[in-house]
Amino acid sequence: MAELPVPSQERTKLDRWIFARLDEIRAAALRWRDELQAATKESDTKLALTAQSVRMQQIEEIVQGAITKLQDLAAPQPVIVTETTDDERKREDEWIAGSLTDLSLIWKKIRNAWPADANQPASAIAKMNDCVQFLDEIVCICVELRLTPLINDFLENVEVGHELDLEFAFGADFPKNPEMRKRLILDVAQQRDVLNSALVDPVRGVIYRLPPKQTRWRSYWSSPLIVIGFIALLAALPSAHRFYDNWPFQPAQRNTLIGNYVLWILGALFHVLIQALRQLRAPTVPAFAVMDDWLIWLSVKQRSICLGIVWITIGYLLMSVFSHVLDWKTVLLAGYCSDSLTDLFVQRFEVTAERATKSISRALTAKSPETKSESA
């Protein structure tokens, strides 16, 4: 796949004109590919060939017309594109020349295979199937040249940290050949400098939306700032003892409360590190691996990381309420398993809250001595 130039803020008129011609070729080849494939399954092969011969002329007019216009970019005085310089046209012609040659040669293969002999149905169907494959190649070339700019257009409406599924967004315009589809996604993964704030995971076929480079530093600081904020909260919690005698956090426990929280967070970070190492040593390593792109991973997963910190902090607070005596090793290991332990502590809290609710309800519904005397 020929590499696109690094995109500017706004697409040039010449780029738009070239992309429009490529879309004409792709749409015509795509439509005829599907119609021709359906024609191979019709019972009346002669009638199907007659109809497709008419269709072939219509498709050829569009495809050859667009190819001719694109080839005219290298002409001394092109009559199609206005308000462009010679350097711009030469640069675009250099980028697209090889692909135009491929398109022309593939179309000649289709012309050589057509028309098929209607008196030999098996041979005619085989030739139509060959043309279907040739059209699939034309679709693949056009999508290769157009896919990255289209992805950039789509990413403008994708929130940071969310995924763009390539098959879902563009699969209808992809070639049917599975190897070609796979190659398209792998080619996009190599276009990091062309994609606008995005990272491709070719294994899953998705693109992660990244924040712009100039604002990416915020994601690096958001998680530490949240942890520091929770440490400040833990330091302030024992102060509430002066207002409530049965408060579970005593002033003498302030240092222990903060120290255990730091160990809890370190255990959770150790868990992330172990998972990243497992991912790195896996037989099939995704291109988007934590160990390879951990700064980018922080940017992509910023929201989920922040929510995860909130979740495991809730687990730590519940652990501090229900389990008062813990040594540092236990706290560190508990932090390593903080996700599952938070679920257990939350379940225990819900059970305790449900029991308290029933107890309060029974106390409120029970008749007081004054009520009983009045009724007597």
Protein backbone atom coordinates (compact mmCIF):
# COMPACT_ATOMS: atom_id res chain seq x y z
CA MET A 1 0.00 0.00 0.00
CA ALA A 2 1.41 3.39 -0.99
CA GLU A 3 1.82 5.65 2.01
CA LEU A 4 -0.33 8.74 2.13
CA PRO A 5 1.35 12.05 2.91
CA VAL A 6 0.93 13.24 6.49
CA PRO A 7 -2.48 14.95 6.43
CA SER A 8 -2.84 18.67 6.98
CA GLN A 9 -5.72 20.25 8.85
CA GLU A 10 -7.85 20.44 5.72
CA ARG A 11 -7.88 18.17 2.70
CA THR A 12 -6.82 19.85 -0.54
CA LYS A 13 -9.10 20.18 -3.57
CA LEU A 14 -6.81 17.88 -5.55
CA ASP A 15 -7.01 15.20 -2.84
CA ARG A 16 -10.79 15.42 -2.80
CA TRP A 17 -10.92 15.17 -6.58
CA ILE A 18 -8.69 12.07 -6.62
CA PHE A 19 -10.63 10.41 -3.81
CA ALA A 20 -13.89 11.06 -5.68
CA ARG A 21 -12.56 9.29 -8.80
CA LEU A 22 -11.38 6.34 -6.71
CA ASP A 23 -14.82 6.14 -5.10
CA GLU A 24 -16.38 6.00 -8.58
CA ILE A 25 -14.19 3.04 -9.53
CA ARG A 26 -14.78 1.24 -6.23
CA ALA A 27 -18.56 1.74 -6.26
CA ALA A 28 -18.88 0.52 -9.87
CA ALA A 29 -16.65 -2.53 -9.31
CA LEU A 30 -18.38 -3.34 -6.03
CA ARG A 31 -21.85 -3.19 -7.57
CA TRP A 32 -20.95 -5.28 -10.60
CA ARG A 33 -19.04 -7.80 -8.48
CA ASP A 34 -22.14 -8.55 -6.41
CA GLU A 35 -24.44 -8.60 -9.45
CA LEU A 36 -22.08 -10.85 -11.39
CA GLN A 37 -21.73 -13.23 -8.47
CA ALA A 38 -25.53 -13.48 -8.24
CA ALA A 39 -25.71 -14.08 -12.01
CA THR A 40 -23.48 -17.16 -11.72
CA LYS A 41 -26.21 -18.81 -9.64
CA GLU A 42 -29.08 -18.16 -12.06
CA SER A 43 -30.57 -21.14 -13.87
CA ASP A 44 -30.69 -19.47 -17.30
CA THR A 45 -27.00 -18.82 -17.99
CA LYS A 46 -27.60 -17.40 -21.49
CA LEU A 47 -30.08 -14.81 -20.22
CA ALA A 48 -27.77 -13.90 -17.34
CA LEU A 49 -24.82 -13.40 -19.74
CA THR A 50 -26.90 -11.16 -21.99
CA ALA A 51 -27.91 -8.96 -19.08
CA GLN A 52 -24.37 -8.81 -17.71
CA SER A 53 -22.93 -7.90 -21.11
CA VAL A 54 -25.08 -4.77 -21.08
CA ARG A 55 -24.05 -4.13 -17.50
CA MET A 56 -20.39 -4.58 -18.39
CA GLN A 57 -20.53 -1.72 -20.88
CA GLN A 58 -22.06 0.57 -18.27
CA ILE A 59 -19.44 -0.36 -15.68
CA GLU A 60 -16.59 0.01 -18.16
CA GLU A 61 -17.70 3.53 -19.03
CA ILE A 62 -17.44 4.57 -15.39
CA VAL A 63 -14.22 2.69 -14.55
CA GLN A 64 -12.27 3.61 -17.67
CA GLY A 65 -13.50 7.19 -17.51
CA ALA A 66 -12.25 7.61 -13.93
CA ILE A 67 -8.92 5.91 -14.72
CA THR A 68 -8.39 8.17 -17.74
CA LYS A 69 -9.06 11.28 -15.66
CA LEU A 70 -6.59 10.13 -13.01
CA GLN A 71 -3.95 9.34 -15.62
CA ASP A 72 -4.39 12.85 -17.00
CA LEU A 73 -2.77 14.20 -13.83
CA ALA A 74 0.63 13.71 -15.47
CA ALA A 75 -0.39 15.55 -18.68
CA PRO A 76 1.31 18.90 -19.37
CA GLN A 77 -2.05 20.70 -19.45
CA PRO A 78 -4.70 18.67 -17.62
CA VAL A 79 -8.23 19.71 -18.45
CA ILE A 80 -9.85 18.20 -15.36
CA VAL A 81 -8.21 19.67 -12.30
CA THR A 82 -8.05 23.44 -12.00
CA GLU A 83 -6.31 25.68 -9.46
CA THR A 84 -3.46 23.19 -8.91
CA THR A 85 0.26 23.56 -9.48
CA ASP A 86 2.50 21.26 -11.48
CA ASP A 87 4.28 20.18 -8.29
CA GLU A 88 1.00 19.19 -6.62
CA ARG A 89 -0.11 17.13 -9.61
CA LYS A 90 3.29 15.47 -9.96
CA ARG A 91 3.33 14.57 -6.27
CA GLU A 92 -0.17 13.08 -6.43
CA ASP A 93 0.64 11.27 -9.69
CA GLU A 94 3.74 9.74 -8.06
CA TRP A 95 1.58 8.49 -5.19
CA ILE A 96 -1.16 6.95 -7.34
CA ALA A 97 0.67 5.93 -10.56
CA GLY A 98 1.42 2.34 -9.51
CA SER A 99 -2.13 1.73 -8.35
CA LEU A 100 -3.53 3.15 -11.61
CA THR A 101 -1.36 0.71 -13.58
CA ASP A 102 -2.70 -2.18 -11.49
CA LEU A 103 -6.29 -1.04 -12.04
CA SER A 104 -5.79 -0.79 -15.80
CA LEU A 105 -4.16 -4.21 -16.08
CA ILE A 106 -6.82 -5.88 -13.96
CA TRP A 107 -9.56 -4.33 -16.09
CA LYS A 108 -7.82 -5.70 -19.20
CA LYS A 109 -8.04 -9.16 -17.63
CA ILE A 110 -11.79 -8.67 -17.35
CA ARG A 111 -12.01 -7.57 -21.00
CA ASN A 112 -9.99 -10.63 -22.09
CA ALA A 113 -12.34 -12.95 -20.17
CA TRP A 114 -15.44 -11.32 -21.66
CA PRO A 115 -17.68 -12.19 -23.41
CA ALA A 116 -18.15 -15.77 -22.31
CA ASP A 117 -19.68 -18.44 -24.53
CA ALA A 118 -23.32 -18.88 -23.52
CA ASN A 119 -23.43 -22.27 -25.28
CA GLN A 120 -20.96 -23.62 -22.73
CA PRO A 121 -22.60 -22.83 -19.36
CA ALA A 122 -19.88 -24.35 -17.19
CA SER A 123 -17.13 -22.39 -18.97
CA ALA A 124 -19.23 -19.20 -18.90
CA ILE A 125 -19.85 -19.48 -15.16
CA ALA A 126 -16.13 -20.11 -14.57
CA LYS A 127 -15.23 -16.96 -16.52
CA MET A 128 -17.80 -14.93 -14.60
CA ASN A 129 -16.31 -16.20 -11.35
CA ASP A 130 -12.87 -15.13 -12.60
CA CYS A 131 -14.26 -11.66 -13.28
CA VAL A 132 -15.71 -11.59 -9.78
CA GLN A 133 -12.21 -12.18 -8.40
CA PHE A 134 -10.73 -9.49 -10.65
CA LEU A 135 -13.38 -7.01 -9.50
CA ASP A 136 -12.58 -7.92 -5.91
CA GLU A 137 -8.96 -6.93 -6.56
CA ILE A 138 -10.08 -3.58 -7.99
CA VAL A 139 -12.21 -2.97 -4.89
CA CYS A 140 -9.24 -3.83 -2.68
CA ILE A 141 -6.91 -1.36 -4.44
CA CYS A 142 -9.44 1.48 -4.20
CA VAL A 143 -10.14 0.77 -0.53
CA GLU A 144 -6.38 0.69 0.19
CA LEU A 145 -6.00 4.18 -1.19
CA ARG A 146 -9.11 5.56 0.51
CA LEU A 147 -9.28 3.77 3.85
CA THR A 148 -6.93 5.89 5.95
CA PRO A 149 -8.55 9.24 5.02
CA LEU A 150 -11.98 7.72 5.68
CA ILE A 151 -10.82 6.49 9.09
CA ASN A 152 -9.60 10.00 9.95
CA ASP A 153 -13.03 11.36 9.01
CA PHE A 154 -14.77 8.79 11.23
CA LEU A 155 -12.41 9.38 14.17
CA GLU A 156 -13.51 13.00 14.40
CA ASN A 157 -16.82 11.72 15.81
CA VAL A 158 -15.33 9.02 18.09
CA GLU A 159 -14.76 9.89 21.75
CA VAL A 160 -11.29 9.53 23.23
CA GLY A 161 -10.71 6.02 24.55
CA HIS A 162 -13.48 4.48 22.45
CA GLU A 163 -12.98 1.97 19.66
CA LEU A 164 -13.75 2.12 15.95
CA ASP A 165 -14.52 -1.34 14.57
CA LEU A 166 -13.14 -1.46 11.01
CA GLU A 167 -15.35 -4.34 9.91
CA PHE A 168 -18.47 -2.67 11.24
CA ALA A 169 -17.67 0.76 9.81
CA PHE A 170 -16.18 -0.21 6.43
CA GLY A 171 -16.75 -3.96 6.01
CA ALA A 172 -19.52 -3.49 3.42
CA ASP A 173 -17.00 -1.82 1.07
CA PHE A 174 -14.20 -4.34 1.69
CA PRO A 175 -13.26 -7.08 -0.79
CA LYS A 176 -14.81 -10.46 -0.06
CA ASN A 177 -11.50 -12.30 -0.14
CA PRO A 178 -10.54 -12.85 3.54
CA GLU A 179 -6.81 -12.50 2.83
CA MET A 180 -7.38 -9.14 1.18
CA ARG A 181 -9.52 -7.98 4.11
CA LYS A 182 -6.79 -9.00 6.54
CA ARG A 183 -4.14 -7.23 4.47
CA LEU A 184 -6.16 -4.01 4.47
CA ILE A 185 -6.26 -3.93 8.27
CA LEU A 186 -2.54 -4.76 8.55
CA ASP A 187 -1.75 -1.97 6.08
CA VAL A 188 -3.72 0.53 8.15
CA ALA A 189 -1.78 -0.54 11.25
CA GLN A 190 1.43 0.59 9.51
CA GLN A 191 0.06 4.09 8.86
CA ARG A 192 0.62 5.52 12.36
CA ASP A 193 1.97 8.83 11.09
CA VAL A 194 -1.03 9.28 8.79
CA LEU A 195 -3.75 8.46 11.30
CA ASN A 196 -4.88 11.36 13.44
CA SER A 197 -4.43 10.48 17.13
CA ALA A 198 -5.26 6.81 16.72
CA LEU A 199 -3.76 3.39 17.29
CA VAL A 200 -4.70 0.23 15.39
CA ASP A 201 -5.05 -3.21 16.92
CA PRO A 202 -4.91 -5.44 13.81
CA VAL A 203 -5.65 -8.61 15.80
CA ARG A 204 -9.08 -7.36 16.88
CA GLY A 205 -9.55 -5.11 13.85
CA VAL A 206 -10.27 -2.00 15.93
CA ILE A 207 -8.81 1.49 16.18
CA TYR A 208 -8.45 3.25 19.52
CA ARG A 209 -9.15 6.98 19.56
CA LEU A 210 -6.31 8.82 21.30
CA PRO A 211 -6.32 12.34 22.69
CA PRO A 212 -4.32 14.90 20.68
CA LYS A 213 -0.59 14.85 21.42
CA GLN A 214 -0.63 18.31 22.95
CA THR A 215 -3.23 17.25 25.55
CA ARG A 216 -2.08 13.67 26.10
CA TRP A 217 -0.04 14.64 29.17
CA ARG A 218 -3.29 15.11 31.10
CA SER A 219 -4.01 11.39 30.96
CA TYR A 220 -0.57 10.65 32.42
CA TRP A 221 -1.32 12.77 35.50
CA SER A 222 -5.00 12.00 36.01
CA SER A 223 -4.46 8.63 37.71
CA PRO A 224 -1.74 9.80 40.16
CA LEU A 225 -3.81 12.86 41.03
CA ILE A 226 -6.83 10.67 41.84
CA VAL A 227 -4.66 8.47 44.08
CA ILE A 228 -3.26 11.55 45.84
CA GLY A 229 -6.80 12.83 46.30
CA PHE A 230 -7.88 9.58 47.94
CA ILE A 231 -4.80 9.66 50.20
CA ALA A 232 -5.85 13.14 51.34
CA LEU A 233 -9.36 11.80 51.96
CA LEU A 234 -7.99 8.93 54.05
CA ALA A 235 -5.88 11.39 56.04
CA ALA A 236 -9.01 13.40 56.80
CA LEU A 237 -11.30 10.48 57.68
CA PRO A 238 -10.05 9.98 61.28
CA SER A 239 -10.89 13.63 62.01
CA ALA A 240 -14.57 12.73 61.90
CA HIS A 241 -14.07 10.82 65.18
CA ARG A 242 -14.62 14.02 67.16
CA PHE A 243 -18.18 14.20 65.85
CA TYR A 244 -19.06 10.50 66.13
CA ASP A 245 -17.73 8.30 68.94
CA ASN A 246 -18.31 5.01 67.09
CA TRP A 247 -16.49 6.19 63.96
CA PRO A 248 -14.46 3.19 62.66
CA PHE A 249 -11.36 5.25 61.83
CA GLN A 250 -9.46 6.48 64.87
CA PRO A 251 -6.87 9.30 64.80
CA ALA A 252 -4.17 6.84 65.92
CA GLN A 253 -4.86 4.77 62.79
CA ARG A 254 -4.18 7.60 60.30
CA ASN A 255 -0.64 6.50 59.34
CA THR A 256 -1.66 2.85 59.13
CA LEU A 257 -4.68 3.73 57.02
CA ILE A 258 -2.56 5.67 54.51
CA GLY A 259 0.30 3.13 54.50
CA ASN A 260 -2.04 0.21 53.86
CA TYR A 261 -3.69 2.13 51.03
CA VAL A 262 -0.32 2.71 49.36
CA LEU A 263 0.43 -1.03 49.64
CA TRP A 264 -3.04 -1.78 48.26
CA ILE A 265 -2.38 0.40 45.20
CA LEU A 266 1.09 -1.10 44.72
CA GLY A 267 -0.46 -4.56 44.75
CA ALA A 268 -2.96 -3.50 42.09
CA LEU A 269 -0.13 -2.04 39.94
CA PHE A 270 1.82 -5.27 40.36
CA HIS A 271 -1.22 -7.15 39.07
CA VAL A 272 -1.30 -4.92 35.95
CA LEU A 273 2.42 -5.52 35.40
CA ILE A 274 2.02 -9.30 35.64
CA GLN A 275 -0.89 -9.22 33.17
CA ALA A 276 1.21 -7.14 30.76
CA LEU A 277 4.10 -9.62 30.96
CA ARG A 278 1.70 -12.50 30.29
CA GLN A 279 0.36 -10.62 27.29
CA LEU A 280 3.90 -10.04 26.03
CA ARG A 281 4.79 -13.74 26.31
CA ALA A 282 1.54 -14.97 24.77
CA PRO A 283 1.86 -16.95 21.49
CA THR A 284 -0.30 -14.37 19.70
CA VAL A 285 0.69 -10.93 20.89
CA PRO A 286 -1.65 -8.10 19.93
CA ALA A 287 -0.05 -5.04 18.38
CA PHE A 288 -1.52 -2.92 21.16
CA ALA A 289 0.40 -4.37 24.12
CA VAL A 290 0.73 -2.64 27.46
CA MET A 291 4.46 -3.35 27.68
CA ASP A 292 5.11 -1.84 24.22
CA ASP A 293 2.81 1.19 24.34
CA TRP A 294 2.16 1.78 28.01
CA LEU A 295 2.02 5.59 27.67
CA ILE A 296 -0.49 5.26 24.85
CA TRP A 297 -2.31 2.63 26.90
CA LEU A 298 -2.69 5.21 29.68
CA SER A 299 -4.21 7.63 27.19
CA VAL A 300 -6.64 5.10 25.73
CA LYS A 301 -7.67 3.59 29.06
CA GLN A 302 -7.73 6.86 31.01
CA ARG A 303 -11.44 6.68 31.86
CA SER A 304 -11.47 2.99 32.76
CA ILE A 305 -8.27 3.37 34.84
CA CYS A 306 -9.77 6.24 36.83
CA LEU A 307 -12.98 4.29 37.41
CA GLY A 308 -10.89 1.27 38.39
CA ILE A 309 -9.02 3.32 41.00
CA VAL A 310 -12.34 4.48 42.44
CA TRP A 311 -13.60 0.89 42.52
CA ILE A 312 -10.58 -0.60 44.28
CA THR A 313 -10.54 2.33 46.72
CA ILE A 314 -14.10 1.48 47.69
CA GLY A 315 -12.88 -2.07 48.28
CA TYR A 316 -10.05 -0.80 50.48
CA LEU A 317 -12.41 1.30 52.60
CA LEU A 318 -14.75 -1.64 53.07
CA MET A 319 -11.80 -3.89 53.95
CA SER A 320 -10.66 -1.33 56.54
CA VAL A 321 -14.14 -1.39 58.10
CA PHE A 322 -14.63 -5.16 58.14
CA SER A 323 -11.02 -6.31 58.66
CA HIS A 324 -9.11 -4.22 61.18
CA VAL A 325 -5.96 -6.27 61.78
CA LEU A 326 -3.91 -6.92 58.63
CA ASP A 327 -0.14 -7.15 58.15
CA TRP A 328 1.61 -5.49 55.22
CA LYS A 329 2.01 -8.74 53.24
CA THR A 330 -1.71 -9.46 53.44
CA VAL A 331 -2.56 -5.92 52.33
CA LEU A 332 -0.13 -6.11 49.39
CA LEU A 333 -1.59 -9.44 48.23
CA ALA A 334 -5.10 -8.12 48.77
CA GLY A 335 -4.26 -5.18 46.51
CA TYR A 336 -3.07 -7.66 43.88
CA CYS A 337 -6.53 -9.27 43.99
CA SER A 338 -8.32 -5.96 44.64
CA ASP A 339 -10.88 -6.36 41.83
CA SER A 340 -12.27 -9.66 43.11
CA LEU A 341 -11.92 -8.68 46.76
CA THR A 342 -13.86 -5.47 46.17
CA ASP A 343 -16.71 -7.57 44.81
CA LEU A 344 -16.64 -9.70 47.98
CA PHE A 345 -16.56 -6.70 50.31
CA VAL A 346 -19.37 -5.01 48.39
CA GLN A 347 -21.47 -8.16 48.66
CA ARG A 348 -20.76 -8.34 52.39
CA PHE A 349 -21.67 -4.66 52.74
CA GLU A 350 -24.95 -5.24 50.89
CA VAL A 351 -25.82 -8.17 53.15
CA THR A 352 -25.02 -6.10 56.25
CA ALA A 353 -27.05 -3.17 54.93
CA GLU A 354 -29.99 -5.46 54.16
CA ARG A 355 -29.92 -6.89 57.70
CA ALA A 356 -29.74 -3.40 59.19
CA THR A 357 -32.66 -2.28 57.03
CA LYS A 358 -34.80 -5.18 58.23
CA SER A 359 -33.84 -4.50 61.85
CA ILE A 360 -34.74 -0.83 61.54
CA SER A 361 -38.00 -1.69 59.82
CA ARG A 362 -38.98 -4.08 62.62
CA ALA A 363 -38.13 -1.43 65.22
CA LEU A 364 -40.22 1.20 63.46
CA THR A 365 -43.23 -1.02 62.94
CA ALA A 366 -43.24 -2.38 66.50
CA LYS A 367 -45.82 -0.67 68.78
CA SER A 368 -44.46 1.54 71.51
CA PRO A 369 -45.71 1.12 75.16
CA GLU A 370 -47.69 4.37 74.87
CA THR A 371 -49.48 3.11 71.76
CA LYS A 372 -50.34 -0.17 73.44
CA SER A 373 -51.77 1.63 76.56
CA GLU A 374 -53.91 3.93 74.44
CA SER A 375 -55.36 1.02 72.51
CA ALA A 376 -56.17 -0.76 75.81
